[in-house]
Amino acid sequence: MADIYAPLAHRLGIGQIKWELEDLSFRYLHEDEYKAIAKLLAEKRLDRDRYIHDVVETLKGLMEAQHIHRYDVSGRAKHIYSIWRKMKRKRIDFSQVHDVRAVRILVPEVTDCYTVLGIVHSRWHHVPNEFDDYIANPKKNGYQSLHTAVMGPENKVLEIQIRTFAMHDEAELGVCAHWRYKGHDTNAKSRSYEEKIAWLRQVLEWQDEVGGFGDLREGLSSDVAPDRIYVFTPDGHVIDLPRIATPIDFAYRVHTEIGHLCRGAKVNGRIVPLTYKLKTGQQIEILTATKGGPSRDWLNPSLGYVRTSRARAKIQAWFKHQARDQNLDEGRTLFEREMRRLDVEGLDLAKLAKAVNYQNADDMYAALGAGDLRIGQVLHQAQQLFGETDDQEQLDRLLAKSRRQPSKATQSDITVLGVGNLKTSMANCCRPVPGEPIVGFITQGRGVTVHRQDCTNILQLRLEEPQRIIEVEWGERAHTRYPVTIEIQAWDRSGLLRDVTGLLGNEKVNVLAVNTLTDTDEGIARLRITLEVDGLESLGRLFSRIQQLPNVTEVRRLRNADPEKSARKGGA
């Protein structure tokens, strides 16, 4: 739960709890790496303790000489998770983490902080670009301190933090420190404290609306991010949002009903898409309808309408209040449309429903319709379940064939059962995608050709040469991408092909072939594109993006398309 409570502690400024949560979580989630760093710290502890002791004594003498008599100087232990994160971020090893040696100095007043900073820099050479003044420019959570790095004794890099006693309590205890200093805070600190308490209450409200920790965790990853934007309402009120917020996020931040009735938005007087990314300083005006509600498409993360957990929770709550029958019909329609677009058949709906934690298919449909379940989650589980069977005879046959150790084919993502290493290749007639049920056919001199189980060619071969049919299955995870041919139907317009290929480029999709056909009488364009994907989930996400392009009426996967033929017909 550290990915929920650690960000909360950070936002509230409770540093001690944040660090303890991170270290404890790191210990259990990455046990080997935790122990390795802990061992390195233990091995160097005696040398580090001796070094820090000498530095502390030197600093005490320097401050006494400057008539600073009330102070506290101590060595600061670097937290293991913080060390690991720094090693990953900067791609360095443990020996290059300089702030393992660190000292913290506490003094009574702010002026004393800068006096001590001058003493430190006059004694040891300052490391360039390693000074941060968080007193003049506090962090978003209110943290204040001076951070500097110097070349200390023995020419070793030493980090030094300088702050007041009150700042230290604020850093360690966060909002709790305000009770200790109640009556002594400045107006700015009091406002900061009240803002943090108000924010915490808002988070608790979100948790009630979301009803679980999954979406709350996702929301905190963005809503607690240090980068915020500040935009204006038409009346001039300032609204703060995460930097990834859209007009719909803004609408729900202003008022729930404005969010529900949102149909458009203006930024600085100009109409923008509802997926527009807001920026600091802009004035936002929401265009509303007189009645209606949110769209289910807003809950699809692939489309980019909603980015904050608060807005998503409000939308989900609206759909929950709709009649179950309506939700069930809407969810079934959404599910069937997606399966039809992806050309997926033969799913065991009962298993699929249980895989997404619902008792039956109707409950799964109702959850889809209500917005509690996302189509992307269903696609992910569908891909995991593809190829499973309850047929006992088939299971017995597979077990009999795999008495010997299963061997990997030359393509490491295909497992051929009961045979030695054989070369495998994907059949051009059906082009199976990882996760779909597949079967192999032993060719003469070309190894095993892998087909979809419902491929018309393999069905014929089962009748004519059943002895050459062999059971194959997908490995744990395919690291390569697979070609799939899709067809896009749209009302013809100038720039259609450019927009489609531009979108594919932005999504980093590799295009193998493109073929276009335009019916000038009806004004309809059909684009047949062969591209590479790594599974059904990513293909479904890509379809959602394409469907949002202007004039596009339908996107679907072609079952028996040969990409080589597409290329010969004039592919790009």
Protein backbone atom coordinates (compact mmCIF):
# COMPACT_ATOMS: atom_id res chain seq x y z
CA MET A 1 0.00 0.00 0.00
CA ALA A 2 3.07 2.26 -0.12
CA ASP A 3 2.04 3.54 -3.55
CA ILE A 4 -1.03 5.03 -1.79
CA TYR A 5 0.18 6.02 1.66
CA ALA A 6 3.73 7.14 0.75
CA PRO A 7 2.46 9.78 -1.74
CA LEU A 8 -0.11 10.89 0.87
CA ALA A 9 2.65 11.28 3.47
CA HIS A 10 4.79 13.16 0.95
CA ARG A 11 1.97 15.58 0.08
CA LEU A 12 1.32 16.18 3.79
CA GLY A 13 5.05 16.65 4.41
CA ILE A 14 5.39 13.69 6.82
CA GLY A 15 8.87 12.73 5.68
CA GLN A 16 9.62 10.14 8.36
CA ILE A 17 6.55 8.04 7.56
CA LYS A 18 7.14 8.38 3.80
CA TRP A 19 10.73 7.09 4.07
CA GLU A 20 9.80 4.21 6.37
CA LEU A 21 6.98 3.10 4.07
CA GLU A 22 9.24 3.22 1.02
CA ASP A 23 12.03 1.25 2.69
CA LEU A 24 9.65 -1.40 4.08
CA SER A 25 7.92 -1.83 0.73
CA PHE A 26 11.23 -1.99 -1.11
CA ARG A 27 12.45 -4.67 1.30
CA TYR A 28 9.56 -6.99 0.44
CA LEU A 29 9.06 -6.13 -3.23
CA HIS A 30 12.75 -6.20 -4.23
CA GLU A 31 14.32 -8.31 -1.51
CA ASP A 32 17.60 -9.13 -3.31
CA GLU A 33 18.34 -5.52 -4.26
CA TYR A 34 17.43 -4.33 -0.76
CA LYS A 35 19.82 -6.82 0.87
CA ALA A 36 22.61 -5.98 -1.58
CA ILE A 37 22.47 -2.26 -0.78
CA ALA A 38 22.05 -2.93 2.96
CA LYS A 39 25.15 -5.13 2.88
CA LEU A 40 27.18 -2.45 1.10
CA LEU A 41 26.07 0.10 3.69
CA ALA A 42 27.00 -2.24 6.55
CA GLU A 43 30.45 -2.95 5.09
CA LYS A 44 31.25 0.77 4.93
CA ARG A 45 29.55 1.70 8.19
CA LEU A 46 32.70 1.87 10.38
CA ASP A 47 34.59 4.05 7.89
CA ARG A 48 31.53 6.24 7.37
CA ASP A 49 30.90 6.63 11.10
CA ARG A 50 34.52 7.64 11.69
CA TYR A 51 34.37 10.11 8.81
CA ILE A 52 31.06 11.65 9.93
CA HIS A 53 32.31 11.92 13.53
CA ASP A 54 35.33 13.95 12.40
CA VAL A 55 33.17 16.22 10.21
CA VAL A 56 30.67 16.82 13.04
CA GLU A 57 33.43 17.79 15.47
CA THR A 58 34.93 20.16 12.89
CA LEU A 59 31.57 21.86 12.28
CA LYS A 60 30.90 22.27 16.00
CA GLY A 61 34.24 24.01 16.43
CA LEU A 62 33.54 26.34 13.49
CA MET A 63 30.11 27.36 14.85
CA GLU A 64 31.39 27.95 18.36
CA ALA A 65 34.02 30.21 16.85
CA GLN A 66 31.22 32.22 15.16
CA HIS A 67 29.32 32.44 18.51
CA ILE A 68 26.45 30.17 17.41
CA HIS A 69 25.83 28.28 20.65
CA ARG A 70 22.40 26.69 20.07
CA TYR A 71 22.65 24.09 17.32
CA ASP A 72 22.50 20.38 16.60
CA VAL A 73 24.84 18.58 14.19
CA SER A 74 24.36 14.93 13.31
CA GLY A 75 25.08 12.39 10.61
CA ARG A 76 22.12 11.61 8.36
CA ALA A 77 21.50 8.07 7.16
CA LYS A 78 20.59 7.78 3.48
CA HIS A 79 17.49 5.62 3.07
CA ILE A 80 17.98 2.40 1.12
CA TYR A 81 15.10 3.00 -1.29
CA SER A 82 16.41 6.51 -1.95
CA ILE A 83 19.86 5.11 -2.77
CA TRP A 84 18.38 2.51 -5.13
CA ARG A 85 16.19 5.07 -6.87
CA LYS A 86 19.15 7.40 -7.38
CA MET A 87 21.25 4.55 -8.80
CA LYS A 88 18.47 3.70 -11.28
CA ARG A 89 17.73 7.32 -12.22
CA LYS A 90 21.36 8.30 -12.86
CA ARG A 91 22.47 4.82 -14.01
CA ILE A 92 25.34 4.69 -11.55
CA ASP A 93 26.63 2.07 -9.11
CA PHE A 94 26.74 2.31 -5.33
CA SER A 95 30.28 3.74 -5.23
CA GLN A 96 29.10 6.79 -7.20
CA VAL A 97 26.30 7.73 -4.77
CA HIS A 98 27.96 10.67 -3.06
CA ASP A 99 25.34 11.58 -0.48
CA VAL A 100 25.76 8.33 1.45
CA ARG A 101 27.99 10.63 3.55
CA ALA A 102 25.70 13.37 4.81
CA VAL A 103 25.38 15.78 7.74
CA ARG A 104 22.37 17.74 8.97
CA ILE A 105 22.72 21.03 10.91
CA LEU A 106 19.81 22.49 12.90
CA VAL A 107 19.83 26.12 14.12
CA PRO A 108 17.21 28.42 15.76
CA GLU A 109 16.61 31.10 13.08
CA VAL A 110 16.54 31.43 9.29
CA THR A 111 19.38 33.98 9.39
CA ASP A 112 21.49 31.36 11.23
CA CYS A 113 20.94 28.94 8.29
CA TYR A 114 22.63 31.30 5.82
CA THR A 115 25.39 32.10 8.33
CA VAL A 116 26.16 28.38 8.68
CA LEU A 117 26.06 27.99 4.88
CA GLY A 118 28.76 30.67 4.59
CA ILE A 119 30.85 28.90 7.25
CA VAL A 120 30.60 25.57 5.39
CA HIS A 121 31.52 27.06 2.00
CA SER A 122 34.45 28.98 3.46
CA ARG A 123 35.82 25.76 4.95
CA TRP A 124 35.27 23.33 2.04
CA HIS A 125 35.06 23.83 -1.70
CA HIS A 126 31.49 23.84 -3.02
CA VAL A 127 30.57 21.24 -5.69
CA PRO A 128 29.12 23.10 -8.73
CA ASN A 129 25.39 22.67 -9.49
CA GLU A 130 24.82 20.93 -6.15
CA PHE A 131 23.12 23.69 -4.16
CA ASP A 132 19.35 24.05 -3.58
CA ASP A 133 17.68 26.81 -1.55
CA TYR A 134 14.35 25.31 -0.43
CA ILE A 135 13.96 28.04 2.20
CA ALA A 136 13.51 30.84 -0.33
CA ASN A 137 11.74 28.42 -2.73
CA PRO A 138 9.95 25.74 -0.67
CA LYS A 139 8.83 22.50 -2.28
CA LYS A 140 5.16 21.97 -3.15
CA ASN A 141 4.54 20.08 0.11
CA GLY A 142 6.05 22.93 2.21
CA TYR A 143 9.50 21.37 2.73
CA GLN A 144 12.20 23.95 3.60
CA SER A 145 15.94 23.48 3.93
CA LEU A 146 19.30 24.42 2.42
CA HIS A 147 21.04 21.57 0.55
CA THR A 148 24.66 21.81 -0.51
CA ALA A 149 27.46 19.42 -1.46
CA VAL A 150 31.14 20.12 -0.75
CA MET A 151 34.47 18.38 -1.18
CA GLY A 152 35.00 17.45 2.47
CA PRO A 153 37.96 15.95 4.31
CA GLU A 154 39.98 13.35 2.36
CA ASN A 155 38.58 14.98 -0.81
CA LYS A 156 35.30 13.05 -0.49
CA VAL A 157 31.95 14.48 -1.52
CA LEU A 158 29.84 15.40 1.52
CA GLU A 159 26.20 16.46 1.50
CA ILE A 160 25.11 19.01 4.11
CA GLN A 161 21.53 20.03 4.95
CA ILE A 162 20.90 23.18 6.98
CA ARG A 163 17.51 24.12 8.45
CA THR A 164 15.84 25.51 11.58
CA PHE A 165 14.48 23.29 14.36
CA ALA A 166 10.93 24.19 13.28
CA MET A 167 11.68 23.32 9.66
CA HIS A 168 13.07 19.97 10.75
CA ASP A 169 9.94 19.11 12.72
CA GLU A 170 7.87 20.18 9.71
CA ALA A 171 9.92 17.88 7.45
CA GLU A 172 9.65 14.91 9.82
CA LEU A 173 6.10 15.34 11.11
CA GLY A 174 4.40 17.36 8.38
CA VAL A 175 1.02 18.80 9.33
CA CYS A 176 1.38 17.23 12.79
CA ALA A 177 4.16 19.72 13.54
CA HIS A 178 1.62 22.57 13.39
CA TRP A 179 -0.03 21.35 16.59
CA ARG A 180 3.33 21.64 18.36
CA TYR A 181 3.87 25.18 17.09
CA LYS A 182 0.23 26.30 17.15
CA GLY A 183 0.01 30.01 17.73
CA HIS A 184 3.50 30.65 16.37
CA ASP A 185 2.95 30.08 12.64
CA THR A 186 2.97 32.82 10.11
CA ASN A 187 -0.16 33.43 8.09
CA ALA A 188 1.43 31.75 5.07
CA LYS A 189 2.20 28.60 7.05
CA SER A 190 -1.28 28.54 8.53
CA ARG A 191 -2.77 28.74 5.04
CA SER A 192 -0.46 25.96 3.87
CA TYR A 193 -1.54 23.80 6.80
CA GLU A 194 -5.24 24.40 6.10
CA GLU A 195 -4.71 23.59 2.41
CA LYS A 196 -3.10 20.26 3.28
CA ILE A 197 -5.93 19.31 5.63
CA ALA A 198 -8.51 20.29 3.00
CA TRP A 199 -6.65 18.21 0.41
CA LEU A 200 -6.59 15.19 2.73
CA ARG A 201 -10.36 15.47 3.26
CA GLN A 202 -10.79 15.59 -0.52
CA VAL A 203 -8.73 12.41 -0.92
CA LEU A 204 -10.92 10.63 1.64
CA GLU A 205 -14.00 11.71 -0.32
CA TRP A 206 -12.48 10.35 -3.52
CA GLN A 207 -11.84 7.01 -1.81
CA ASP A 208 -15.51 6.79 -0.84
CA GLU A 209 -16.54 7.53 -4.42
CA VAL A 210 -14.06 5.13 -6.00
CA GLY A 211 -14.95 2.36 -3.55
CA GLY A 212 -11.53 0.70 -3.68
CA PHE A 213 -7.79 1.32 -3.75
CA GLY A 214 -7.11 0.52 -7.43
CA ASP A 215 -8.30 3.79 -8.95
CA LEU A 216 -7.19 5.75 -5.87
CA ARG A 217 -3.63 4.49 -6.38
CA GLU A 218 -3.77 5.43 -10.06
CA GLY A 219 -5.16 8.84 -9.23
CA LEU A 220 -2.53 9.60 -6.60
CA SER A 221 0.21 8.86 -9.11
CA SER A 222 -1.00 11.87 -11.11
CA ASP A 223 -2.86 14.06 -8.59
CA VAL A 224 0.04 14.11 -6.10
CA ALA A 225 2.58 14.78 -8.82
CA PRO A 226 4.65 17.88 -8.10
CA ASP A 227 3.77 19.52 -11.41
CA ARG A 228 0.46 21.36 -11.22
CA ILE A 229 -1.24 23.83 -13.51
CA TYR A 230 -3.33 26.86 -12.57
CA VAL A 231 -6.20 27.89 -14.85
CA PHE A 232 -9.02 30.42 -14.59
CA THR A 233 -12.81 30.16 -14.68
CA PRO A 234 -14.72 32.78 -16.75
CA ASP A 235 -15.29 34.65 -13.45
CA GLY A 236 -11.55 34.80 -12.75
CA HIS A 237 -11.36 32.13 -10.02
CA VAL A 238 -8.15 30.08 -9.98
CA ILE A 239 -8.43 26.29 -10.24
CA ASP A 240 -5.39 24.08 -9.70
CA LEU A 241 -5.18 20.72 -11.50
CA PRO A 242 -2.57 18.08 -12.37
CA ARG A 243 -0.54 19.09 -15.42
CA ILE A 244 -2.19 16.31 -17.51
CA ALA A 245 -5.74 17.63 -16.94
CA THR A 246 -8.30 18.05 -19.73
CA PRO A 247 -11.40 20.30 -20.02
CA ILE A 248 -13.56 17.46 -18.61
CA ASP A 249 -11.28 17.23 -15.55
CA PHE A 250 -11.68 20.98 -15.15
CA ALA A 251 -15.49 20.73 -15.46
CA TYR A 252 -15.74 18.11 -12.71
CA ARG A 253 -13.33 20.11 -10.55
CA VAL A 254 -15.68 23.10 -10.75
CA HIS A 255 -18.91 21.16 -10.14
CA THR A 256 -20.15 17.62 -10.65
CA GLU A 257 -23.21 18.68 -12.66
CA ILE A 258 -21.11 20.85 -14.97
CA GLY A 259 -19.00 17.76 -15.65
CA HIS A 260 -22.06 15.59 -16.38
CA LEU A 261 -23.51 18.16 -18.80
CA CYS A 262 -20.20 19.08 -20.48
CA ARG A 263 -20.40 18.92 -24.28
CA GLY A 264 -17.58 21.22 -25.32
CA ALA A 265 -14.97 23.69 -24.08
CA LYS A 266 -13.37 27.00 -24.97
CA VAL A 267 -9.80 27.92 -24.02
CA ASN A 268 -9.10 31.65 -24.18
CA GLY A 269 -12.23 32.04 -26.29
CA ARG A 270 -11.40 29.32 -28.84
CA ILE A 271 -13.18 25.95 -29.04
CA VAL A 272 -10.85 23.01 -28.30
CA PRO A 273 -11.33 19.21 -28.25
CA LEU A 274 -12.33 17.65 -24.93
CA THR A 275 -9.00 15.78 -25.00
CA TYR A 276 -7.05 19.08 -25.06
CA LYS A 277 -4.23 19.27 -22.49
CA LEU A 278 -4.69 22.40 -20.36
CA LYS A 279 -1.83 24.80 -19.56
CA THR A 280 -1.18 27.28 -16.77
CA GLY A 281 -2.73 30.73 -17.22
CA GLN A 282 -5.50 29.71 -19.62
CA GLN A 283 -9.14 30.72 -19.12
CA ILE A 284 -11.53 27.78 -19.50
CA GLU A 285 -15.22 27.97 -20.36
CA ILE A 286 -17.33 24.79 -20.37
CA LEU A 287 -20.17 24.46 -22.88
CA THR A 288 -23.03 22.47 -21.35
CA ALA A 289 -26.26 20.81 -22.48
CA THR A 290 -29.58 21.29 -20.71
CA LYS A 291 -29.89 17.57 -19.92
CA GLY A 292 -28.07 14.31 -20.35
CA GLY A 293 -25.02 12.72 -18.80
CA PRO A 294 -21.40 11.74 -19.42
CA SER A 295 -20.28 9.48 -22.25
CA ARG A 296 -18.91 6.01 -21.56
CA ASP A 297 -16.07 6.84 -23.92
CA TRP A 298 -14.78 9.25 -21.27
CA LEU A 299 -13.82 6.25 -19.14
CA ASN A 300 -11.67 4.75 -21.91
CA PRO A 301 -8.08 5.71 -20.95
CA SER A 302 -6.92 5.16 -24.53
CA LEU A 303 -9.02 8.10 -25.74
CA GLY A 304 -7.58 10.61 -23.26
CA TYR A 305 -10.79 12.40 -22.22
CA VAL A 306 -10.32 12.07 -18.44
CA ARG A 307 -7.00 12.12 -16.58
CA THR A 308 -7.84 12.66 -12.89
CA SER A 309 -9.26 10.15 -10.44
CA ARG A 310 -11.80 12.67 -9.13
CA ALA A 311 -13.45 13.13 -12.53
CA ARG A 312 -13.35 9.38 -13.25
CA ALA A 313 -14.99 8.60 -9.90
CA LYS A 314 -17.78 11.11 -10.57
CA ILE A 315 -18.46 9.57 -13.99
CA GLN A 316 -18.50 6.04 -12.57
CA ALA A 317 -20.89 7.15 -9.83
CA TRP A 318 -23.28 8.57 -12.47
CA PHE A 319 -23.40 5.30 -14.39
CA LYS A 320 -23.90 3.30 -11.19
CA HIS A 321 -27.16 5.12 -10.64
CA GLN A 322 -28.51 4.06 -14.03
CA ALA A 323 -30.82 1.04 -14.26
CA ARG A 324 -29.05 -2.33 -14.30
CA ASP A 325 -30.91 -3.44 -17.42
CA GLN A 326 -29.72 -0.38 -19.31
CA ASN A 327 -26.16 -0.89 -18.10
CA LEU A 328 -26.33 -4.55 -19.08
CA ASP A 329 -27.49 -3.73 -22.63
CA GLU A 330 -24.90 -0.99 -23.01
CA GLY A 331 -22.13 -3.22 -21.70
CA ARG A 332 -23.08 -6.13 -23.97
CA THR A 333 -23.15 -3.80 -26.97
CA LEU A 334 -19.73 -2.39 -26.06
CA PHE A 335 -18.27 -5.88 -25.56
CA GLU A 336 -19.70 -7.36 -28.75
CA ARG A 337 -18.63 -4.35 -30.80
CA GLU A 338 -15.05 -4.67 -29.56
CA MET A 339 -14.94 -8.43 -30.17
CA ARG A 340 -16.35 -7.94 -33.67
CA ARG A 341 -13.80 -5.24 -34.49
CA LEU A 342 -10.94 -7.46 -33.30
CA ASP A 343 -12.40 -10.52 -35.05
CA VAL A 344 -12.35 -12.55 -31.83
CA GLU A 345 -14.60 -15.60 -31.52
CA GLY A 346 -15.07 -18.61 -29.27
CA LEU A 347 -14.48 -16.96 -25.90
CA ASP A 348 -15.64 -18.81 -22.79
CA LEU A 349 -17.70 -15.97 -21.30
CA ALA A 350 -18.14 -17.68 -17.92
CA LYS A 351 -14.35 -18.01 -17.50
CA LEU A 352 -13.78 -14.50 -18.77
CA ALA A 353 -16.29 -13.07 -16.28
CA LYS A 354 -14.60 -14.86 -13.37
CA ALA A 355 -11.19 -13.69 -14.59
CA VAL A 356 -12.34 -10.06 -14.19
CA ASN A 357 -13.92 -10.89 -10.76
CA TYR A 358 -17.60 -11.15 -11.71
CA GLN A 359 -19.90 -14.12 -11.16
CA ASN A 360 -21.29 -14.37 -14.69
CA ALA A 361 -21.34 -12.71 -18.09
CA ASP A 362 -24.38 -10.53 -17.26
CA ASP A 363 -22.61 -9.08 -14.21
CA MET A 364 -19.57 -8.40 -16.39
CA TYR A 365 -21.74 -6.64 -19.01
CA ALA A 366 -23.47 -4.56 -16.32
CA ALA A 367 -20.08 -3.53 -14.89
CA LEU A 368 -18.90 -2.52 -18.36
CA GLY A 369 -22.06 -0.49 -18.87
CA ALA A 370 -21.76 1.18 -15.46
CA GLY A 371 -18.11 2.08 -16.01
CA ASP A 372 -16.83 -0.09 -13.12
CA LEU A 373 -14.96 -2.28 -15.61
CA ARG A 374 -12.92 -1.10 -18.59
CA ILE A 375 -12.87 -2.82 -21.94
CA GLY A 376 -9.06 -2.81 -21.81
CA GLN A 377 -9.16 -4.99 -18.67
CA VAL A 378 -11.48 -7.43 -20.41
CA LEU A 379 -9.22 -7.62 -23.46
CA HIS A 380 -6.20 -8.26 -21.25
CA GLN A 381 -7.91 -11.19 -19.53
CA ALA A 382 -9.31 -12.46 -22.82
CA GLN A 383 -5.80 -12.71 -24.21
CA GLN A 384 -4.66 -14.64 -21.13
CA LEU A 385 -7.55 -17.11 -21.43
CA PHE A 386 -7.31 -17.70 -25.18
CA GLY A 387 -6.59 -21.31 -25.98
CA GLU A 388 -7.69 -22.78 -22.63
CA THR A 389 -10.02 -25.78 -22.87
CA ASP A 390 -12.24 -27.88 -20.64
CA ASP A 391 -12.30 -30.79 -23.12
CA GLN A 392 -10.91 -33.74 -21.11
CA GLU A 393 -9.98 -35.77 -24.20
CA GLN A 394 -7.96 -32.87 -25.60
CA LEU A 395 -6.31 -32.34 -22.22
CA ASP A 396 -5.38 -36.04 -21.99
CA ARG A 397 -3.96 -35.91 -25.51
CA LEU A 398 -1.82 -32.89 -24.66
CA LEU A 399 -0.52 -34.59 -21.52
CA ALA A 400 0.31 -37.78 -23.43
CA LYS A 401 2.22 -35.84 -26.08
CA SER A 402 4.19 -33.83 -23.55
CA ARG A 403 5.61 -36.70 -21.49
CA ARG A 404 8.97 -35.65 -22.77
CA GLN A 405 10.18 -32.20 -21.84
CA PRO A 406 8.48 -29.56 -24.06
CA SER A 407 11.03 -27.82 -26.26
CA LYS A 408 11.17 -24.29 -27.49
CA ALA A 409 11.03 -23.66 -31.20
CA THR A 410 13.44 -21.30 -32.85
CA GLN A 411 10.91 -18.50 -32.33
CA SER A 412 11.03 -18.39 -28.55
CA ASP A 413 7.39 -17.36 -28.16
CA ILE A 414 5.99 -20.63 -29.65
CA THR A 415 6.11 -23.90 -27.66
CA VAL A 416 5.88 -27.09 -29.73
CA LEU A 417 4.73 -30.00 -27.59
CA GLY A 418 6.25 -33.49 -27.83
CA VAL A 419 8.85 -32.83 -30.54
CA GLY A 420 12.41 -31.62 -30.86
CA ASN A 421 13.43 -28.14 -31.98
CA LEU A 422 11.58 -27.22 -35.16
CA LYS A 423 11.51 -24.01 -37.15
CA THR A 424 8.14 -22.23 -36.90
CA SER A 425 6.52 -19.57 -39.05
CA MET A 426 3.19 -17.73 -39.02
CA ALA A 427 0.70 -18.71 -41.70
CA ASN A 428 0.00 -15.89 -44.15
CA CYS A 429 -3.61 -17.01 -44.61
CA CYS A 430 -4.78 -16.17 -41.07
CA ARG A 431 -1.86 -14.39 -39.32
CA PRO A 432 -2.46 -15.45 -35.68
CA VAL A 433 -1.84 -12.92 -32.90
CA PRO A 434 -0.45 -13.89 -29.45
CA GLY A 435 -3.29 -15.01 -27.20
CA GLU A 436 -5.44 -16.56 -29.95
CA PRO A 437 -5.97 -20.38 -30.08
CA ILE A 438 -3.46 -21.83 -32.54
CA VAL A 439 -2.49 -25.15 -34.13
CA GLY A 440 0.56 -26.26 -36.12
CA PHE A 441 0.93 -27.99 -39.48
CA ILE A 442 4.14 -29.88 -40.32
CA THR A 443 5.28 -28.82 -43.77
CA GLN A 444 7.88 -30.46 -46.00
CA GLY A 445 11.18 -28.70 -45.46
CA ARG A 446 9.77 -25.53 -43.85
CA GLY A 447 9.19 -26.72 -40.29
CA VAL A 448 5.87 -26.01 -38.57
CA THR A 449 3.42 -23.43 -39.91
CA VAL A 450 1.26 -21.90 -37.17
CA HIS A 451 -2.43 -21.22 -37.95
CA ARG A 452 -5.42 -19.94 -36.04
CA GLN A 453 -7.57 -22.89 -34.95
CA ASP A 454 -10.56 -21.51 -36.92
CA CYS A 455 -8.55 -20.90 -40.11
CA THR A 456 -10.41 -22.32 -43.13
CA ASN A 457 -7.19 -23.78 -44.54
CA ILE A 458 -6.32 -25.66 -41.36
CA LEU A 459 -9.87 -27.02 -41.10
CA GLN A 460 -9.47 -28.51 -44.57
CA LEU A 461 -6.00 -29.87 -43.74
CA ARG A 462 -7.40 -31.58 -40.63
CA LEU A 463 -9.62 -33.63 -42.95
CA GLU A 464 -7.01 -34.34 -45.63
CA GLU A 465 -3.80 -34.86 -43.62
CA PRO A 466 -4.66 -35.14 -39.90
CA GLN A 467 -1.35 -36.90 -39.16
CA ARG A 468 0.53 -33.65 -39.92
CA ILE A 469 -1.47 -31.55 -37.45
CA ILE A 470 0.42 -30.83 -34.24
CA GLU A 471 -0.53 -29.04 -31.05
CA VAL A 472 1.34 -25.77 -30.38
CA GLU A 473 0.84 -23.01 -27.85
CA TRP A 474 2.09 -19.53 -27.07
CA GLY A 475 4.99 -19.19 -24.64
CA GLU A 476 4.89 -17.08 -21.50
CA ARG A 477 5.35 -13.81 -23.38
CA ALA A 478 6.09 -12.93 -26.97
CA HIS A 479 8.81 -10.31 -27.23
CA THR A 480 8.29 -9.77 -30.95
CA ARG A 481 5.44 -8.04 -32.73
CA TYR A 482 3.09 -9.77 -35.11
CA PRO A 483 1.57 -8.61 -38.40
CA VAL A 484 -2.15 -7.93 -38.46
CA THR A 485 -4.18 -6.55 -41.36
CA ILE A 486 -6.91 -4.03 -40.54
CA GLU A 487 -9.40 -2.18 -42.68
CA ILE A 488 -10.44 1.43 -42.06
CA GLN A 489 -13.61 2.69 -43.71
CA ALA A 490 -14.21 6.45 -43.86
CA TRP A 491 -15.92 9.20 -45.81
CA ASP A 492 -13.28 10.27 -48.28
CA ARG A 493 -11.54 13.57 -47.59
CA SER A 494 -8.26 15.28 -48.28
CA GLY A 495 -5.50 14.29 -45.82
CA LEU A 496 -7.18 11.09 -44.57
CA LEU A 497 -4.20 8.83 -45.31
CA ARG A 498 -1.81 11.42 -43.85
CA ASP A 499 -3.79 11.58 -40.59
CA VAL A 500 -3.95 7.78 -40.29
CA THR A 501 -0.24 7.25 -40.92
CA GLY A 502 0.58 10.18 -38.64
CA LEU A 503 -1.40 8.58 -35.82
CA LEU A 504 0.34 5.24 -36.37
CA GLY A 505 3.67 7.02 -36.27
CA ASN A 506 2.82 8.77 -33.00
CA GLU A 507 1.80 5.42 -31.51
CA LYS A 508 5.15 3.95 -32.70
CA VAL A 509 3.38 1.29 -34.75
CA ASN A 510 5.43 -0.34 -37.52
CA VAL A 511 3.51 -0.32 -40.83
CA LEU A 512 4.32 -3.13 -43.28
CA ALA A 513 1.92 -2.37 -46.12
CA VAL A 514 -0.79 0.14 -47.09
CA ASN A 515 -3.42 -0.24 -49.78
CA THR A 516 -6.17 2.32 -50.48
CA LEU A 517 -9.36 2.04 -52.50
CA THR A 518 -11.81 4.91 -53.05
CA ASP A 519 -15.39 4.62 -54.31
CA THR A 520 -15.82 8.03 -55.95
CA ASP A 521 -19.56 7.49 -56.56
CA GLU A 522 -20.32 6.93 -52.88
CA GLY A 523 -17.44 8.99 -51.54
CA ILE A 524 -16.16 6.13 -49.36
CA ALA A 525 -12.47 5.32 -48.83
CA ARG A 526 -11.16 1.97 -47.59
CA LEU A 527 -7.63 1.73 -46.23
CA ARG A 528 -6.21 -1.76 -45.80
CA ILE A 529 -3.12 -1.58 -43.60
CA THR A 530 -0.81 -4.35 -42.42
CA LEU A 531 0.91 -3.41 -39.18
CA GLU A 532 2.69 -5.07 -36.27
CA VAL A 533 1.15 -5.41 -32.79
CA ASP A 534 2.05 -7.35 -29.66
CA GLY A 535 -1.45 -8.55 -28.73
CA LEU A 536 -5.17 -7.97 -28.62
CA GLU A 537 -5.06 -5.33 -25.88
CA SER A 538 -2.74 -3.03 -27.82
CA LEU A 539 -4.74 -3.62 -31.01
CA GLY A 540 -7.98 -2.63 -29.25
CA ARG A 541 -6.32 0.53 -27.92
CA LEU A 542 -5.12 1.41 -31.42
CA PHE A 543 -8.63 0.89 -32.84
CA SER A 544 -10.04 3.34 -30.30
CA ARG A 545 -7.51 5.97 -31.40
CA ILE A 546 -8.24 5.50 -35.10
CA GLN A 547 -12.00 5.64 -34.52
CA GLN A 548 -11.60 9.19 -33.18
CA LEU A 549 -10.18 10.51 -36.45
CA PRO A 550 -12.58 12.74 -38.47
CA ASN A 551 -14.74 10.93 -41.06
CA VAL A 552 -13.74 7.41 -39.88
CA THR A 553 -16.88 5.23 -39.69
CA GLU A 554 -15.48 1.75 -39.00
CA VAL A 555 -12.25 0.00 -38.04
CA ARG A 556 -11.99 -3.78 -38.08
CA ARG A 557 -9.48 -6.57 -38.30
CA LEU A 558 -9.45 -8.73 -41.45
CA ARG A 559 -9.42 -12.45 -40.76
CA ASN A 560 -7.77 -13.95 -43.85
CA ALA A 561 -5.66 -11.14 -45.28
CA ASP A 562 -2.27 -11.77 -46.83
CA PRO A 563 0.07 -8.84 -46.22
CA GLU A 564 2.31 -9.92 -49.11
CA LYS A 565 -0.61 -9.60 -51.52
CA SER A 566 -1.48 -6.21 -50.02
CA ALA A 567 2.06 -5.04 -50.66
CA ARG A 568 2.03 -6.32 -54.25
CA LYS A 569 -1.22 -4.43 -54.91
CA GLY A 570 0.50 -1.12 -54.35
CA GLY A 571 1.35 -0.89 -50.64
CA ALA A 572 3.52 1.94 -49.44
